[in-house]
Amino acid sequence: MRQDIHTSIKKLEGDPVKLTDPFESIYRIVYHMTMRMVGVNDIADDPVLLEETLQLFTKIDESAAATTVLFPSLPSLAKIKQTLAGGKLYMIFRKIVENRKKTGTRDDDPLQYLIDQGDNLRQITEVPLLPMTRTSAMLMKQTSSSLEHSSPAS
């Protein structure tokens, strides 16, 4: 984890402008640390995947409108954006879980613990998302439920 922080700081130092928005840069560091501590090392280790998941969580949070919270079954543009982003997150987690199971790859992270406990994909995808955002976790739960019915058993 210290290495992640060190790498992030070096990246900030290497910026030719030598100027950063602390709300943006610190937010990215905190997201990276959160993914490392309570998420998936596969994502924390891959800068492209880390950025992609951050953008998906951000999209979910930005789409959270009062109407979406008050009327969760009401179809709206915000709900569609949330569902699409949640589905993409689900598919990322699904790919990682299936890859680990297929190849026998093991890692020392919360995801591996859940796989070892025999949790199904829906249970697995709910846990890492809880600390990210409440909206994201709630949406992921809804999305995983609907996708689980349309995909082979995990």
C-alpha atoms as a PDB file:
ATOM      1  CA  MET A   1       0.000   0.000   0.000  1.00  0.00           C
ATOM      2  CA  ARG A   2       2.893   2.344   0.737  1.00  0.00           C
ATOM      3  CA  GLN A   3       4.168   1.571  -2.745  1.00  0.00           C
ATOM      4  CA  ASP A   4       0.823   2.642  -4.218  1.00  0.00           C
ATOM      5  CA  ILE A   5       0.996   5.978  -2.392  1.00  0.00           C
ATOM      6  CA  HIS A   6       4.624   6.442  -3.383  1.00  0.00           C
ATOM      7  CA  THR A   7       3.791   5.753  -7.042  1.00  0.00           C
ATOM      8  CA  SER A   8       0.868   8.201  -6.929  1.00  0.00           C
ATOM      9  CA  ILE A   9       3.025  10.938  -5.418  1.00  0.00           C
ATOM     10  CA  LYS A  10       5.789  10.326  -7.987  1.00  0.00           C
ATOM     11  CA  LYS A  11       3.171  10.624 -10.722  1.00  0.00           C
ATOM     12  CA  LEU A  12       2.067  13.982  -9.286  1.00  0.00           C
ATOM     13  CA  GLU A  13       5.691  15.128  -9.048  1.00  0.00           C
ATOM     14  CA  GLY A  14       6.262  14.149 -12.678  1.00  0.00           C
ATOM     15  CA  ASP A  15       3.471  16.379 -13.926  1.00  0.00           C
ATOM     16  CA  PRO A  16       5.131  19.049 -16.128  1.00  0.00           C
ATOM     17  CA  VAL A  17       2.634  21.690 -15.016  1.00  0.00           C
ATOM     18  CA  LYS A  18       3.478  21.010 -11.334  1.00  0.00           C
ATOM     19  CA  LEU A  19      -0.089  21.854 -10.426  1.00  0.00           C
ATOM     20  CA  THR A  20      -2.813  19.545  -9.180  1.00  0.00           C
ATOM     21  CA  ASP A  21      -6.382  19.702  -8.021  1.00  0.00           C
ATOM     22  CA  PRO A  22      -6.158  18.113  -4.568  1.00  0.00           C
ATOM     23  CA  PHE A  23      -9.822  17.129  -4.680  1.00  0.00           C
ATOM     24  CA  GLU A  24      -9.123  15.105  -7.802  1.00  0.00           C
ATOM     25  CA  SER A  25      -5.675  13.724  -7.006  1.00  0.00           C
ATOM     26  CA  ILE A  26      -6.371  12.831  -3.369  1.00  0.00           C
ATOM     27  CA  TYR A  27      -9.713  11.316  -4.382  1.00  0.00           C
ATOM     28  CA  ARG A  28      -7.888   9.014  -6.804  1.00  0.00           C
ATOM     29  CA  ILE A  29      -5.354   8.026  -4.142  1.00  0.00           C
ATOM     30  CA  VAL A  30      -8.126   7.284  -1.636  1.00  0.00           C
ATOM     31  CA  TYR A  31     -10.010   5.238  -4.233  1.00  0.00           C
ATOM     32  CA  HIS A  32      -6.845   3.285  -5.001  1.00  0.00           C
ATOM     33  CA  MET A  33      -6.256   2.610  -1.295  1.00  0.00           C
ATOM     34  CA  THR A  34      -9.880   1.593  -0.796  1.00  0.00           C
ATOM     35  CA  MET A  35      -9.692  -0.835  -3.695  1.00  0.00           C
ATOM     36  CA  ARG A  36      -6.429  -2.233  -2.326  1.00  0.00           C
ATOM     37  CA  MET A  37      -7.734  -2.687   1.254  1.00  0.00           C
ATOM     38  CA  VAL A  38     -11.299  -3.856   0.763  1.00  0.00           C
ATOM     39  CA  GLY A  39     -11.590  -4.536  -2.933  1.00  0.00           C
ATOM     40  CA  VAL A  40      -9.699  -6.476  -5.541  1.00  0.00           C
ATOM     41  CA  ASN A  41      -5.932  -6.463  -6.032  1.00  0.00           C
ATOM     42  CA  ASP A  42      -6.385  -7.213  -9.739  1.00  0.00           C
ATOM     43  CA  ILE A  43      -8.052  -3.807 -10.078  1.00  0.00           C
ATOM     44  CA  ALA A  44      -5.682  -1.987  -7.726  1.00  0.00           C
ATOM     45  CA  ASP A  45      -2.680  -3.368  -9.656  1.00  0.00           C
ATOM     46  CA  ASP A  46      -3.965  -2.363 -13.108  1.00  0.00           C
ATOM     47  CA  PRO A  47      -4.028   1.437 -13.676  1.00  0.00           C
ATOM     48  CA  VAL A  48      -6.353   1.104 -16.679  1.00  0.00           C
ATOM     49  CA  LEU A  49      -8.838  -1.084 -14.807  1.00  0.00           C
ATOM     50  CA  LEU A  50      -8.541   1.141 -11.733  1.00  0.00           C
ATOM     51  CA  GLU A  51      -9.415   4.208 -13.804  1.00  0.00           C
ATOM     52  CA  GLU A  52     -12.260   2.394 -15.573  1.00  0.00           C
ATOM     53  CA  THR A  53     -13.869   1.271 -12.310  1.00  0.00           C
ATOM     54  CA  LEU A  54     -13.420   4.735 -10.798  1.00  0.00           C
ATOM     55  CA  GLN A  55     -15.216   6.255 -13.781  1.00  0.00           C
ATOM     56  CA  LEU A  56     -18.037   3.720 -13.466  1.00  0.00           C
ATOM     57  CA  PHE A  57     -18.490   4.412  -9.746  1.00  0.00           C
ATOM     58  CA  THR A  58     -18.414   8.137 -10.487  1.00  0.00           C
ATOM     59  CA  LYS A  59     -21.041   7.723 -13.203  1.00  0.00           C
ATOM     60  CA  ILE A  60     -23.276   5.841 -10.781  1.00  0.00           C
ATOM     61  CA  ASP A  61     -22.913   8.509  -8.105  1.00  0.00           C
ATOM     62  CA  GLU A  62     -23.458  11.381 -10.518  1.00  0.00           C
ATOM     63  CA  SER A  63     -26.615   9.731 -11.817  1.00  0.00           C
ATOM     64  CA  ALA A  64     -28.094   9.407  -8.338  1.00  0.00           C
ATOM     65  CA  ALA A  65     -30.977  11.841  -8.408  1.00  0.00           C
ATOM     66  CA  ALA A  66     -33.662  12.351  -5.817  1.00  0.00           C
ATOM     67  CA  THR A  67     -36.234  10.768  -8.134  1.00  0.00           C
ATOM     68  CA  THR A  68     -34.043   7.664  -8.508  1.00  0.00           C
ATOM     69  CA  VAL A  69     -33.861   7.268  -4.746  1.00  0.00           C
ATOM     70  CA  LEU A  70     -37.529   8.055  -4.093  1.00  0.00           C
ATOM     71  CA  PHE A  71     -38.864   6.042  -7.024  1.00  0.00           C
ATOM     72  CA  PRO A  72     -36.314   3.279  -7.720  1.00  0.00           C
ATOM     73  CA  SER A  73     -38.618   1.448 -10.160  1.00  0.00           C
ATOM     74  CA  LEU A  74     -39.331   4.537 -12.253  1.00  0.00           C
ATOM     75  CA  PRO A  75     -37.478   4.324 -15.566  1.00  0.00           C
ATOM     76  CA  SER A  76     -35.404   7.442 -16.145  1.00  0.00           C
ATOM     77  CA  LEU A  77     -32.228   8.475 -17.926  1.00  0.00           C
ATOM     78  CA  ALA A  78     -30.397   8.484 -14.586  1.00  0.00           C
ATOM     79  CA  LYS A  79     -31.598   4.948 -13.857  1.00  0.00           C
ATOM     80  CA  ILE A  80     -30.471   3.759 -17.282  1.00  0.00           C
ATOM     81  CA  LYS A  81     -27.004   5.297 -16.778  1.00  0.00           C
ATOM     82  CA  GLN A  82     -26.743   3.694 -13.342  1.00  0.00           C
ATOM     83  CA  THR A  83     -27.839   0.308 -14.628  1.00  0.00           C
ATOM     84  CA  LEU A  84     -25.363   0.380 -17.501  1.00  0.00           C
ATOM     85  CA  ALA A  85     -22.474   1.410 -15.242  1.00  0.00           C
ATOM     86  CA  GLY A  86     -23.495  -1.176 -12.629  1.00  0.00           C
ATOM     87  CA  GLY A  87     -23.669  -3.860 -15.303  1.00  0.00           C
ATOM     88  CA  LYS A  88     -20.180  -2.978 -16.522  1.00  0.00           C
ATOM     89  CA  LEU A  89     -18.840  -3.153 -12.959  1.00  0.00           C
ATOM     90  CA  TYR A  90     -20.524  -6.500 -12.467  1.00  0.00           C
ATOM     91  CA  MET A  91     -18.950  -7.827 -15.655  1.00  0.00           C
ATOM     92  CA  ILE A  92     -15.487  -6.646 -14.559  1.00  0.00           C
ATOM     93  CA  PHE A  93     -15.830  -8.435 -11.232  1.00  0.00           C
ATOM     94  CA  ARG A  94     -17.313 -11.478 -12.938  1.00  0.00           C
ATOM     95  CA  LYS A  95     -14.377 -11.720 -15.342  1.00  0.00           C
ATOM     96  CA  ILE A  96     -11.870 -11.507 -12.482  1.00  0.00           C
ATOM     97  CA  VAL A  97     -13.686 -14.145 -10.408  1.00  0.00           C
ATOM     98  CA  GLU A  98     -14.081 -16.515 -13.349  1.00  0.00           C
ATOM     99  CA  ASN A  99     -10.431 -16.047 -14.330  1.00  0.00           C
ATOM    100  CA  ARG A 100      -9.270 -16.869 -10.803  1.00  0.00           C
ATOM    101  CA  LYS A 101     -11.458 -19.947 -10.640  1.00  0.00           C
ATOM    102  CA  LYS A 102     -10.443 -21.165 -14.095  1.00  0.00           C
ATOM    103  CA  THR A 103      -6.695 -20.629 -13.721  1.00  0.00           C
ATOM    104  CA  GLY A 104      -6.464 -21.410 -10.023  1.00  0.00           C
ATOM    105  CA  THR A 105      -4.809 -18.028  -9.459  1.00  0.00           C
ATOM    106  CA  ARG A 106      -4.933 -16.895  -5.846  1.00  0.00           C
ATOM    107  CA  ASP A 107      -4.344 -13.485  -4.326  1.00  0.00           C
ATOM    108  CA  ASP A 108      -4.274 -12.162  -0.787  1.00  0.00           C
ATOM    109  CA  ASP A 109      -7.300  -9.876  -0.944  1.00  0.00           C
ATOM    110  CA  PRO A 110     -10.922  -9.784   0.237  1.00  0.00           C
ATOM    111  CA  LEU A 111     -12.118 -11.165  -3.098  1.00  0.00           C
ATOM    112  CA  GLN A 112     -10.075 -14.327  -2.635  1.00  0.00           C
ATOM    113  CA  TYR A 113     -11.479 -14.777   0.862  1.00  0.00           C
ATOM    114  CA  LEU A 114     -15.018 -14.614  -0.518  1.00  0.00           C
ATOM    115  CA  ILE A 115     -14.185 -17.082  -3.290  1.00  0.00           C
ATOM    116  CA  ASP A 116     -12.659 -19.437  -0.707  1.00  0.00           C
ATOM    117  CA  GLN A 117     -15.801 -19.178   1.429  1.00  0.00           C
ATOM    118  CA  GLY A 118     -17.826 -20.466  -1.514  1.00  0.00           C
ATOM    119  CA  ASP A 119     -19.806 -17.267  -2.014  1.00  0.00           C
ATOM    120  CA  ASN A 120     -21.624 -16.982  -5.326  1.00  0.00           C
ATOM    121  CA  LEU A 121     -20.903 -14.143  -7.736  1.00  0.00           C
ATOM    122  CA  ARG A 122     -23.780 -12.019  -6.474  1.00  0.00           C
ATOM    123  CA  GLN A 123     -22.560 -12.217  -2.877  1.00  0.00           C
ATOM    124  CA  ILE A 124     -18.998 -11.558  -4.003  1.00  0.00           C
ATOM    125  CA  THR A 125     -19.894  -8.448  -5.990  1.00  0.00           C
ATOM    126  CA  GLU A 126     -21.908  -6.947  -3.158  1.00  0.00           C
ATOM    127  CA  VAL A 127     -19.077  -6.915  -0.602  1.00  0.00           C
ATOM    128  CA  PRO A 128     -16.252  -5.035  -2.374  1.00  0.00           C
ATOM    129  CA  LEU A 129     -18.644  -2.324  -3.466  1.00  0.00           C
ATOM    130  CA  LEU A 130     -20.081  -1.479  -0.079  1.00  0.00           C
ATOM    131  CA  PRO A 131     -17.230   0.803   0.964  1.00  0.00           C
ATOM    132  CA  MET A 132     -17.129   2.519  -2.431  1.00  0.00           C
ATOM    133  CA  THR A 133     -20.528   4.170  -2.363  1.00  0.00           C
ATOM    134  CA  ARG A 134     -23.911   3.303  -0.987  1.00  0.00           C
ATOM    135  CA  THR A 135     -25.559   4.062  -4.331  1.00  0.00           C
ATOM    136  CA  SER A 136     -23.052   1.920  -6.212  1.00  0.00           C
ATOM    137  CA  ALA A 137     -23.485  -1.002  -3.854  1.00  0.00           C
ATOM    138  CA  MET A 138     -27.267  -0.789  -4.017  1.00  0.00           C
ATOM    139  CA  LEU A 139     -27.241  -0.623  -7.796  1.00  0.00           C
ATOM    140  CA  MET A 140     -24.714  -3.436  -8.112  1.00  0.00           C
ATOM    141  CA  LYS A 141     -26.965  -5.627  -5.991  1.00  0.00           C
ATOM    142  CA  GLN A 142     -29.923  -4.938  -8.307  1.00  0.00           C
ATOM    143  CA  THR A 143     -27.856  -5.399 -11.462  1.00  0.00           C
ATOM    144  CA  SER A 144     -26.162  -8.591 -10.299  1.00  0.00           C
ATOM    145  CA  SER A 145     -29.528 -10.066  -9.443  1.00  0.00           C
ATOM    146  CA  SER A 146     -30.882  -9.442 -12.932  1.00  0.00           C
ATOM    147  CA  LEU A 147     -27.654 -10.532 -14.677  1.00  0.00           C
ATOM    148  CA  GLU A 148     -27.395 -13.671 -12.554  1.00  0.00           C
ATOM    149  CA  HIS A 149     -30.680 -14.876 -13.970  1.00  0.00           C
ATOM    150  CA  SER A 150     -29.461 -14.407 -17.528  1.00  0.00           C
ATOM    151  CA  SER A 151     -25.976 -15.985 -17.136  1.00  0.00           C
ATOM    152  CA  PRO A 152     -24.714 -19.482 -16.357  1.00  0.00           C
ATOM    153  CA  ALA A 153     -24.528 -20.407 -12.692  1.00  0.00           C
ATOM    154  CA  SER A 154     -21.420 -19.133 -10.910  1.00  0.00           C
END
